[in-house]
Amino acid sequence: MRRMKINRMILTALLWICSLSIIFPLLLVVINSVKTAAESDIMRLTLPESLIFENFTMVLSEGRVFSSFLNSVIITVLSVGLSAVLGVMAAFVLARNQSRLNRAVRKYFLLGLIIPMQLISLIEVLKIYHLYNNYLGLILVYTAIFLPMTIMLSYGAAKALPKEMDEAAVTDGCGPLRLFFSVIIPLLKPVVTTVCVTQFMFIWNDFQFPLYLITDSNKWTLVLGVYGFLGKFSSQWNLVCAHILISSLPVVFVYLFGQKYIVDGMVAGAVKG
């Protein structure tokens, strides 16, 4: 009994350490976002002498937030939509047709979960097809990145659906597309929501791919807008922190909306396939 109590205390301490590793940077950003430029240069958790909420209005007026926000919406929504629709379609077909070829195709897609992406080769390929520094190129890259995860999560859930349901829908006059969008998609709602929420969070917050694949600052996403307050010889860290908080708000709202489906979606996608 005493040993179990000690193990529980150790586990609790480890969880607190993990929680603080997330809470500490968040508090640092929140506190420094309402400081003056001189106070934020120190980057400490000390409270400011006065709250400077004008930092947020300055970011909105000088940081090209609205144009960057529109760029992020276009890239994120189209990337998530393409990946979700194509991935769930592929998973449904692979689950319904258990041929040797389809099993090989599924394993081929799942290799995308473990094979690292070579950024230099990717840039060269995009330049060849005139997709470098282009919305479409970045959208296709995100779609390719998340297709394996979408197929993996959707395959088990799609396989668990009875085939008799498909036959009944076809007998009632459903075509392939109507069967998929009117019958299958509603039944896979937890999985689809999980896929959309997790991909939205990654793509919206992603810094690396837009930085390397988009060179025109007018096409930058909201996250890259932080560069507007970082100079070669000086940086406005209070405005940087304020910009980070503003750019994080859409992710928070999307996660709060879809969090109740995430656990169900993970469980549905974990059905043995």
C-alpha atoms as a PDB file:
ATOM      1  CA  MET A   1       0.000   0.000   0.000  1.00  0.00           C
ATOM      2  CA  ARG A   2       2.840   2.359   0.916  1.00  0.00           C
ATOM      3  CA  ARG A   3       4.629   1.534  -2.331  1.00  0.00           C
ATOM      4  CA  MET A   4       1.517   2.363  -4.355  1.00  0.00           C
ATOM      5  CA  LYS A   5       1.225   5.668  -2.522  1.00  0.00           C
ATOM      6  CA  ILE A   6       4.867   6.522  -3.297  1.00  0.00           C
ATOM      7  CA  ASN A   7       4.399   5.593  -6.969  1.00  0.00           C
ATOM      8  CA  ARG A   8       1.315   7.782  -7.124  1.00  0.00           C
ATOM      9  CA  MET A   9       3.220  10.711  -5.619  1.00  0.00           C
ATOM     10  CA  ILE A  10       6.041  10.269  -8.141  1.00  0.00           C
ATOM     11  CA  LEU A  11       3.549  10.092 -11.008  1.00  0.00           C
ATOM     12  CA  THR A  12       1.804  13.224  -9.745  1.00  0.00           C
ATOM     13  CA  ALA A  13       5.122  15.068  -9.546  1.00  0.00           C
ATOM     14  CA  LEU A  14       6.001  14.038 -13.109  1.00  0.00           C
ATOM     15  CA  LEU A  15       2.630  15.227 -14.359  1.00  0.00           C
ATOM     16  CA  TRP A  16       3.118  18.576 -12.610  1.00  0.00           C
ATOM     17  CA  ILE A  17       6.533  18.946 -14.248  1.00  0.00           C
ATOM     18  CA  CYS A  18       5.016  18.198 -17.665  1.00  0.00           C
ATOM     19  CA  SER A  19       2.195  20.665 -17.010  1.00  0.00           C
ATOM     20  CA  LEU A  20       4.596  23.412 -15.941  1.00  0.00           C
ATOM     21  CA  SER A  21       6.636  22.905 -19.117  1.00  0.00           C
ATOM     22  CA  ILE A  22       3.494  23.952 -21.016  1.00  0.00           C
ATOM     23  CA  ILE A  23       2.082  26.523 -18.589  1.00  0.00           C
ATOM     24  CA  PHE A  24       5.356  28.428 -18.074  1.00  0.00           C
ATOM     25  CA  PRO A  25       5.841  29.504 -21.751  1.00  0.00           C
ATOM     26  CA  LEU A  26       2.152  30.384 -21.987  1.00  0.00           C
ATOM     27  CA  LEU A  27       2.299  32.601 -18.895  1.00  0.00           C
ATOM     28  CA  LEU A  28       5.485  34.179 -20.192  1.00  0.00           C
ATOM     29  CA  VAL A  29       3.766  35.167 -23.436  1.00  0.00           C
ATOM     30  CA  VAL A  30       0.599  36.426 -21.716  1.00  0.00           C
ATOM     31  CA  ILE A  31       2.422  38.556 -19.150  1.00  0.00           C
ATOM     32  CA  ASN A  32       4.906  40.051 -21.614  1.00  0.00           C
ATOM     33  CA  SER A  33       2.150  40.916 -24.077  1.00  0.00           C
ATOM     34  CA  VAL A  34       0.904  43.670 -21.739  1.00  0.00           C
ATOM     35  CA  LYS A  35       4.309  45.102 -20.813  1.00  0.00           C
ATOM     36  CA  THR A  36       6.239  48.009 -22.247  1.00  0.00           C
ATOM     37  CA  ALA A  37       8.999  47.356 -24.772  1.00  0.00           C
ATOM     38  CA  ALA A  38      11.699  47.887 -22.147  1.00  0.00           C
ATOM     39  CA  GLU A  39      10.063  45.526 -19.629  1.00  0.00           C
ATOM     40  CA  SER A  40       9.468  42.791 -22.194  1.00  0.00           C
ATOM     41  CA  ASP A  41      13.129  42.794 -23.262  1.00  0.00           C
ATOM     42  CA  ILE A  42      13.989  41.084 -19.973  1.00  0.00           C
ATOM     43  CA  MET A  43      11.491  38.267 -20.671  1.00  0.00           C
ATOM     44  CA  ARG A  44      10.636  37.380 -17.097  1.00  0.00           C
ATOM     45  CA  LEU A  45       7.463  36.345 -15.284  1.00  0.00           C
ATOM     46  CA  THR A  46       7.450  39.518 -13.203  1.00  0.00           C
ATOM     47  CA  LEU A  47       4.219  41.485 -13.324  1.00  0.00           C
ATOM     48  CA  PRO A  48       4.285  44.779 -15.265  1.00  0.00           C
ATOM     49  CA  GLU A  49       4.028  48.141 -13.550  1.00  0.00           C
ATOM     50  CA  SER A  50       0.956  48.898 -15.654  1.00  0.00           C
ATOM     51  CA  LEU A  51      -1.041  46.885 -18.176  1.00  0.00           C
ATOM     52  CA  ILE A  52      -0.424  48.082 -21.737  1.00  0.00           C
ATOM     53  CA  PHE A  53      -3.408  46.747 -23.737  1.00  0.00           C
ATOM     54  CA  GLU A  54      -2.486  49.142 -26.534  1.00  0.00           C
ATOM     55  CA  ASN A  55      -0.011  46.499 -27.670  1.00  0.00           C
ATOM     56  CA  PHE A  56      -2.896  44.507 -29.170  1.00  0.00           C
ATOM     57  CA  THR A  57      -4.353  47.485 -31.031  1.00  0.00           C
ATOM     58  CA  MET A  58      -0.879  48.304 -32.363  1.00  0.00           C
ATOM     59  CA  VAL A  59      -0.469  44.748 -33.643  1.00  0.00           C
ATOM     60  CA  LEU A  60      -3.856  44.900 -35.355  1.00  0.00           C
ATOM     61  CA  SER A  61      -3.070  48.242 -36.998  1.00  0.00           C
ATOM     62  CA  GLU A  62       0.573  47.719 -37.981  1.00  0.00           C
ATOM     63  CA  GLY A  63       0.966  43.957 -38.330  1.00  0.00           C
ATOM     64  CA  ARG A  64      -1.107  43.297 -41.487  1.00  0.00           C
ATOM     65  CA  VAL A  65      -3.134  40.939 -39.338  1.00  0.00           C
ATOM     66  CA  PHE A  66      -6.269  40.921 -41.458  1.00  0.00           C
ATOM     67  CA  SER A  67      -4.551  40.094 -44.767  1.00  0.00           C
ATOM     68  CA  SER A  68      -2.415  37.446 -43.054  1.00  0.00           C
ATOM     69  CA  PHE A  69      -5.533  36.071 -41.400  1.00  0.00           C
ATOM     70  CA  LEU A  70      -7.192  35.678 -44.794  1.00  0.00           C
ATOM     71  CA  ASN A  71      -4.109  33.881 -46.140  1.00  0.00           C
ATOM     72  CA  SER A  72      -4.177  31.481 -43.172  1.00  0.00           C
ATOM     73  CA  VAL A  73      -7.894  30.810 -43.638  1.00  0.00           C
ATOM     74  CA  ILE A  74      -7.465  30.003 -47.351  1.00  0.00           C
ATOM     75  CA  ILE A  75      -4.488  27.695 -46.813  1.00  0.00           C
ATOM     76  CA  THR A  76      -5.828  25.963 -43.694  1.00  0.00           C
ATOM     77  CA  VAL A  77      -9.425  25.409 -44.806  1.00  0.00           C
ATOM     78  CA  LEU A  78      -8.505  24.095 -48.263  1.00  0.00           C
ATOM     79  CA  SER A  79      -5.715  21.875 -46.889  1.00  0.00           C
ATOM     80  CA  VAL A  80      -7.907  20.377 -44.178  1.00  0.00           C
ATOM     81  CA  GLY A  81     -10.836  19.939 -46.555  1.00  0.00           C
ATOM     82  CA  LEU A  82      -8.798  18.184 -49.237  1.00  0.00           C
ATOM     83  CA  SER A  83      -7.003  15.935 -46.783  1.00  0.00           C
ATOM     84  CA  ALA A  84     -10.187  14.991 -44.919  1.00  0.00           C
ATOM     85  CA  VAL A  85     -12.342  14.284 -47.981  1.00  0.00           C
ATOM     86  CA  LEU A  86      -9.687  12.420 -49.993  1.00  0.00           C
ATOM     87  CA  GLY A  87      -8.420  10.522 -46.950  1.00  0.00           C
ATOM     88  CA  VAL A  88     -11.841   9.352 -45.792  1.00  0.00           C
ATOM     89  CA  MET A  89     -12.774   8.410 -49.363  1.00  0.00           C
ATOM     90  CA  ALA A  90      -9.605   6.351 -49.737  1.00  0.00           C
ATOM     91  CA  ALA A  91     -10.094   4.709 -46.333  1.00  0.00           C
ATOM     92  CA  PHE A  92     -13.685   3.768 -47.178  1.00  0.00           C
ATOM     93  CA  VAL A  93     -12.689   2.193 -50.508  1.00  0.00           C
ATOM     94  CA  LEU A  94      -9.774   0.319 -48.938  1.00  0.00           C
ATOM     95  CA  ALA A  95     -11.971  -0.934 -46.092  1.00  0.00           C
ATOM     96  CA  ARG A  96     -14.734  -2.157 -48.408  1.00  0.00           C
ATOM     97  CA  ASN A  97     -12.453  -3.905 -50.921  1.00  0.00           C
ATOM     98  CA  GLN A  98     -10.044  -6.193 -49.075  1.00  0.00           C
ATOM     99  CA  SER A  99      -7.994  -7.247 -52.100  1.00  0.00           C
ATOM    100  CA  ARG A 100      -4.257  -7.867 -52.017  1.00  0.00           C
ATOM    101  CA  LEU A 101      -3.655  -4.748 -54.109  1.00  0.00           C
ATOM    102  CA  ASN A 102      -5.709  -2.563 -51.758  1.00  0.00           C
ATOM    103  CA  ARG A 103      -3.867  -3.901 -48.727  1.00  0.00           C
ATOM    104  CA  ALA A 104      -0.576  -3.013 -50.417  1.00  0.00           C
ATOM    105  CA  VAL A 105      -1.874   0.465 -51.261  1.00  0.00           C
ATOM    106  CA  ARG A 106      -2.919   1.011 -47.638  1.00  0.00           C
ATOM    107  CA  LYS A 107       0.513  -0.007 -46.371  1.00  0.00           C
ATOM    108  CA  TYR A 108       2.086   2.310 -48.930  1.00  0.00           C
ATOM    109  CA  PHE A 109       0.058   5.245 -47.606  1.00  0.00           C
ATOM    110  CA  LEU A 110       0.945   4.375 -44.020  1.00  0.00           C
ATOM    111  CA  LEU A 111       4.640   4.639 -44.882  1.00  0.00           C
ATOM    112  CA  GLY A 112       4.031   8.370 -44.975  1.00  0.00           C
ATOM    113  CA  LEU A 113       3.741   8.294 -41.179  1.00  0.00           C
ATOM    114  CA  ILE A 114       7.341   7.181 -40.687  1.00  0.00           C
ATOM    115  CA  ILE A 115       9.298   8.444 -43.714  1.00  0.00           C
ATOM    116  CA  PRO A 116      10.716  11.933 -43.055  1.00  0.00           C
ATOM    117  CA  MET A 117      10.179  14.683 -45.589  1.00  0.00           C
ATOM    118  CA  GLN A 118      13.219  16.092 -47.404  1.00  0.00           C
ATOM    119  CA  LEU A 119      12.639  19.827 -47.553  1.00  0.00           C
ATOM    120  CA  ILE A 120      15.292  20.641 -50.168  1.00  0.00           C
ATOM    121  CA  SER A 121      13.956  17.984 -52.572  1.00  0.00           C
ATOM    122  CA  LEU A 122      10.420  19.215 -51.945  1.00  0.00           C
ATOM    123  CA  ILE A 123      11.385  22.789 -52.847  1.00  0.00           C
ATOM    124  CA  GLU A 124      13.030  21.643 -56.074  1.00  0.00           C
ATOM    125  CA  VAL A 125       9.959  19.618 -57.074  1.00  0.00           C
ATOM    126  CA  LEU A 126       7.672  22.586 -56.404  1.00  0.00           C
ATOM    127  CA  LYS A 127       9.897  24.828 -58.521  1.00  0.00           C
ATOM    128  CA  ILE A 128       9.768  22.370 -61.430  1.00  0.00           C
ATOM    129  CA  TYR A 129       5.939  22.400 -61.403  1.00  0.00           C
ATOM    130  CA  HIS A 130       5.765  26.176 -60.764  1.00  0.00           C
ATOM    131  CA  LEU A 131       4.162  25.639 -57.356  1.00  0.00           C
ATOM    132  CA  TYR A 132       6.873  27.306 -55.293  1.00  0.00           C
ATOM    133  CA  ASN A 133       5.799  30.545 -53.570  1.00  0.00           C
ATOM    134  CA  ASN A 134       2.236  29.550 -54.375  1.00  0.00           C
ATOM    135  CA  TYR A 135      -0.843  28.867 -52.266  1.00  0.00           C
ATOM    136  CA  LEU A 136      -1.621  25.733 -54.256  1.00  0.00           C
ATOM    137  CA  GLY A 137       1.831  24.266 -53.688  1.00  0.00           C
ATOM    138  CA  LEU A 138       1.611  24.729 -49.919  1.00  0.00           C
ATOM    139  CA  ILE A 139      -1.935  23.322 -49.838  1.00  0.00           C
ATOM    140  CA  LEU A 140      -0.875  20.214 -51.770  1.00  0.00           C
ATOM    141  CA  VAL A 141       2.087  19.706 -49.421  1.00  0.00           C
ATOM    142  CA  TYR A 142      -0.166  19.813 -46.352  1.00  0.00           C
ATOM    143  CA  THR A 143      -2.654  17.479 -48.028  1.00  0.00           C
ATOM    144  CA  ALA A 144       0.080  14.948 -48.785  1.00  0.00           C
ATOM    145  CA  ILE A 145       1.442  15.184 -45.239  1.00  0.00           C
ATOM    146  CA  PHE A 146      -1.888  14.440 -43.556  1.00  0.00           C
ATOM    147  CA  LEU A 147      -3.368  11.886 -45.967  1.00  0.00           C
ATOM    148  CA  PRO A 148      -1.649   8.927 -44.198  1.00  0.00           C
ATOM    149  CA  MET A 149      -2.954   9.965 -40.776  1.00  0.00           C
ATOM    150  CA  THR A 150      -6.465  10.516 -42.149  1.00  0.00           C
ATOM    151  CA  ILE A 151      -6.487   7.089 -43.789  1.00  0.00           C
ATOM    152  CA  MET A 152      -5.160   5.410 -40.645  1.00  0.00           C
ATOM    153  CA  LEU A 153      -7.836   6.953 -38.399  1.00  0.00           C
ATOM    154  CA  SER A 154     -10.690   6.460 -40.865  1.00  0.00           C
ATOM    155  CA  TYR A 155      -9.893   2.924 -41.997  1.00  0.00           C
ATOM    156  CA  GLY A 156     -10.856   1.117 -38.789  1.00  0.00           C
ATOM    157  CA  ALA A 157     -14.042   3.145 -38.343  1.00  0.00           C
ATOM    158  CA  ALA A 158     -15.091   2.619 -41.971  1.00  0.00           C
ATOM    159  CA  LYS A 159     -14.398  -1.121 -41.739  1.00  0.00           C
ATOM    160  CA  ALA A 160     -16.653  -1.364 -38.671  1.00  0.00           C
ATOM    161  CA  LEU A 161     -19.663  -0.082 -40.658  1.00  0.00           C
ATOM    162  CA  PRO A 162     -21.882  -2.957 -41.903  1.00  0.00           C
ATOM    163  CA  LYS A 163     -21.865  -3.543 -45.658  1.00  0.00           C
ATOM    164  CA  GLU A 164     -25.623  -4.160 -45.575  1.00  0.00           C
ATOM    165  CA  MET A 165     -26.067  -0.439 -44.987  1.00  0.00           C
ATOM    166  CA  ASP A 166     -24.333   0.312 -48.290  1.00  0.00           C
ATOM    167  CA  GLU A 167     -26.479  -2.220 -50.102  1.00  0.00           C
ATOM    168  CA  ALA A 168     -29.678  -0.769 -48.630  1.00  0.00           C
ATOM    169  CA  ALA A 169     -28.679   2.770 -49.655  1.00  0.00           C
ATOM    170  CA  VAL A 170     -27.842   1.645 -53.207  1.00  0.00           C
ATOM    171  CA  THR A 171     -31.144  -0.226 -53.423  1.00  0.00           C
ATOM    172  CA  ASP A 172     -32.926   3.023 -52.476  1.00  0.00           C
ATOM    173  CA  GLY A 173     -31.253   4.787 -55.394  1.00  0.00           C
ATOM    174  CA  CYS A 174     -28.103   6.302 -53.874  1.00  0.00           C
ATOM    175  CA  GLY A 175     -25.193   6.866 -56.229  1.00  0.00           C
ATOM    176  CA  PRO A 176     -21.573   6.567 -55.082  1.00  0.00           C
ATOM    177  CA  LEU A 177     -21.170  10.232 -54.142  1.00  0.00           C
ATOM    178  CA  ARG A 178     -24.542  10.484 -52.425  1.00  0.00           C
ATOM    179  CA  LEU A 179     -23.829   7.268 -50.532  1.00  0.00           C
ATOM    180  CA  PHE A 180     -20.529   8.657 -49.313  1.00  0.00           C
ATOM    181  CA  PHE A 181     -21.607  12.180 -48.351  1.00  0.00           C
ATOM    182  CA  SER A 182     -25.151  11.430 -47.126  1.00  0.00           C
ATOM    183  CA  VAL A 183     -24.651   8.080 -45.405  1.00  0.00           C
ATOM    184  CA  ILE A 184     -20.996   7.362 -44.661  1.00  0.00           C
ATOM    185  CA  ILE A 185     -19.747  10.813 -43.643  1.00  0.00           C
ATOM    186  CA  PRO A 186     -22.470  11.362 -40.962  1.00  0.00           C
ATOM    187  CA  LEU A 187     -21.637   7.972 -39.433  1.00  0.00           C
ATOM    188  CA  LEU A 188     -17.936   8.845 -39.377  1.00  0.00           C
ATOM    189  CA  LYS A 189     -18.540  12.292 -37.854  1.00  0.00           C
ATOM    190  CA  PRO A 190     -16.312  11.718 -34.753  1.00  0.00           C
ATOM    191  CA  VAL A 191     -13.396  10.588 -36.917  1.00  0.00           C
ATOM    192  CA  VAL A 192     -13.853  13.368 -39.465  1.00  0.00           C
ATOM    193  CA  THR A 193     -14.078  15.985 -36.703  1.00  0.00           C
ATOM    194  CA  THR A 194     -10.964  14.605 -35.028  1.00  0.00           C
ATOM    195  CA  VAL A 195      -9.060  14.727 -38.306  1.00  0.00           C
ATOM    196  CA  CYS A 196     -10.206  18.270 -39.085  1.00  0.00           C
ATOM    197  CA  VAL A 197      -9.476  19.680 -35.614  1.00  0.00           C
ATOM    198  CA  THR A 198      -6.010  18.146 -35.272  1.00  0.00           C
ATOM    199  CA  GLN A 199      -4.994  19.137 -38.790  1.00  0.00           C
ATOM    200  CA  PHE A 200      -6.392  22.647 -38.366  1.00  0.00           C
ATOM    201  CA  MET A 201      -4.333  23.125 -35.210  1.00  0.00           C
ATOM    202  CA  PHE A 202      -1.119  21.987 -36.883  1.00  0.00           C
ATOM    203  CA  ILE A 203      -1.535  23.866 -40.163  1.00  0.00           C
ATOM    204  CA  TRP A 204      -2.687  27.110 -38.563  1.00  0.00           C
ATOM    205  CA  ASN A 205       0.251  27.103 -36.126  1.00  0.00           C
ATOM    206  CA  ASP A 206       2.829  25.782 -38.587  1.00  0.00           C
ATOM    207  CA  PHE A 207       5.824  28.038 -39.034  1.00  0.00           C
ATOM    208  CA  GLN A 208       8.281  25.926 -41.021  1.00  0.00           C
ATOM    209  CA  PHE A 209       6.539  25.156 -44.315  1.00  0.00           C
ATOM    210  CA  PRO A 210       5.145  28.655 -45.003  1.00  0.00           C
ATOM    211  CA  LEU A 211       8.554  30.120 -44.121  1.00  0.00           C
ATOM    212  CA  TYR A 212      10.421  27.959 -46.655  1.00  0.00           C
ATOM    213  CA  LEU A 213       7.763  27.530 -49.335  1.00  0.00           C
ATOM    214  CA  ILE A 214       6.317  31.067 -49.431  1.00  0.00           C
ATOM    215  CA  THR A 215       8.831  33.838 -50.135  1.00  0.00           C
ATOM    216  CA  ASP A 216       6.380  36.673 -50.862  1.00  0.00           C
ATOM    217  CA  SER A 217       5.561  38.441 -47.580  1.00  0.00           C
ATOM    218  CA  ASN A 218       2.137  39.423 -48.964  1.00  0.00           C
ATOM    219  CA  LYS A 219       1.249  35.695 -49.015  1.00  0.00           C
ATOM    220  CA  TRP A 220       2.499  34.956 -45.499  1.00  0.00           C
ATOM    221  CA  THR A 221       0.225  33.320 -42.971  1.00  0.00           C
ATOM    222  CA  LEU A 222      -0.788  34.885 -39.673  1.00  0.00           C
ATOM    223  CA  VAL A 223       1.894  33.024 -37.741  1.00  0.00           C
ATOM    224  CA  LEU A 224       4.652  34.425 -39.977  1.00  0.00           C
ATOM    225  CA  GLY A 225       3.376  37.941 -39.312  1.00  0.00           C
ATOM    226  CA  VAL A 226       5.438  37.903 -36.129  1.00  0.00           C
ATOM    227  CA  TYR A 227       8.455  38.734 -38.316  1.00  0.00           C
ATOM    228  CA  GLY A 228       7.069  42.240 -38.684  1.00  0.00           C
ATOM    229  CA  PHE A 229       8.114  42.975 -35.110  1.00  0.00           C
ATOM    230  CA  LEU A 230      11.505  41.248 -35.210  1.00  0.00           C
ATOM    231  CA  GLY A 231      14.345  43.391 -36.511  1.00  0.00           C
ATOM    232  CA  LYS A 232      18.023  42.764 -37.201  1.00  0.00           C
ATOM    233  CA  PHE A 233      19.219  44.962 -34.349  1.00  0.00           C
ATOM    234  CA  SER A 234      16.162  45.207 -32.093  1.00  0.00           C
ATOM    235  CA  SER A 235      12.923  43.349 -31.419  1.00  0.00           C
ATOM    236  CA  GLN A 236       9.618  44.445 -29.902  1.00  0.00           C
ATOM    237  CA  TRP A 237       8.951  41.425 -27.726  1.00  0.00           C
ATOM    238  CA  ASN A 238       5.793  42.873 -26.206  1.00  0.00           C
ATOM    239  CA  LEU A 239       4.268  43.130 -29.699  1.00  0.00           C
ATOM    240  CA  VAL A 240       5.597  39.707 -30.623  1.00  0.00           C
ATOM    241  CA  CYS A 241       3.823  38.185 -27.609  1.00  0.00           C
ATOM    242  CA  ALA A 242       0.635  40.104 -28.380  1.00  0.00           C
ATOM    243  CA  HIS A 243       0.744  38.843 -31.981  1.00  0.00           C
ATOM    244  CA  ILE A 244       1.235  35.255 -30.774  1.00  0.00           C
ATOM    245  CA  LEU A 245      -1.866  35.492 -28.577  1.00  0.00           C
ATOM    246  CA  ILE A 246      -3.976  36.971 -31.379  1.00  0.00           C
ATOM    247  CA  SER A 247      -2.877  34.300 -33.853  1.00  0.00           C
ATOM    248  CA  SER A 248      -3.677  31.554 -31.304  1.00  0.00           C
ATOM    249  CA  LEU A 249      -7.313  32.544 -30.760  1.00  0.00           C
ATOM    250  CA  PRO A 250      -8.777  30.696 -33.804  1.00  0.00           C
ATOM    251  CA  VAL A 251      -7.058  27.470 -32.717  1.00  0.00           C
ATOM    252  CA  VAL A 252      -8.515  27.778 -29.211  1.00  0.00           C
ATOM    253  CA  PHE A 253     -12.043  28.285 -30.556  1.00  0.00           C
ATOM    254  CA  VAL A 254     -11.777  25.376 -33.003  1.00  0.00           C
ATOM    255  CA  TYR A 255     -10.417  23.054 -30.321  1.00  0.00           C
ATOM    256  CA  LEU A 256     -13.157  23.994 -27.844  1.00  0.00           C
ATOM    257  CA  PHE A 257     -15.750  23.328 -30.541  1.00  0.00           C
ATOM    258  CA  GLY A 258     -14.398  19.922 -31.536  1.00  0.00           C
ATOM    259  CA  GLN A 259     -12.853  18.546 -28.340  1.00  0.00           C
ATOM    260  CA  LYS A 260     -15.887  16.419 -27.451  1.00  0.00           C
ATOM    261  CA  TYR A 261     -15.473  14.485 -30.703  1.00  0.00           C
ATOM    262  CA  ILE A 262     -11.711  13.917 -30.453  1.00  0.00           C
ATOM    263  CA  VAL A 263     -11.765  11.031 -27.941  1.00  0.00           C
ATOM    264  CA  ASP A 264     -14.625   9.322 -29.793  1.00  0.00           C
ATOM    265  CA  GLY A 265     -12.783   9.773 -33.079  1.00  0.00           C
ATOM    266  CA  MET A 266      -9.554   8.290 -31.740  1.00  0.00           C
ATOM    267  CA  VAL A 267     -11.415   5.300 -30.298  1.00  0.00           C
ATOM    268  CA  ALA A 268     -13.385   4.772 -33.535  1.00  0.00           C
ATOM    269  CA  GLY A 269     -10.179   4.938 -35.552  1.00  0.00           C
ATOM    270  CA  ALA A 270      -8.485   2.416 -33.256  1.00  0.00           C
ATOM    271  CA  VAL A 271     -10.732  -0.453 -34.330  1.00  0.00           C
ATOM    272  CA  LYS A 272      -8.525  -3.270 -35.512  1.00  0.00           C
ATOM    273  CA  GLY A 273      -8.256  -3.247 -39.311  1.00  0.00           C
END
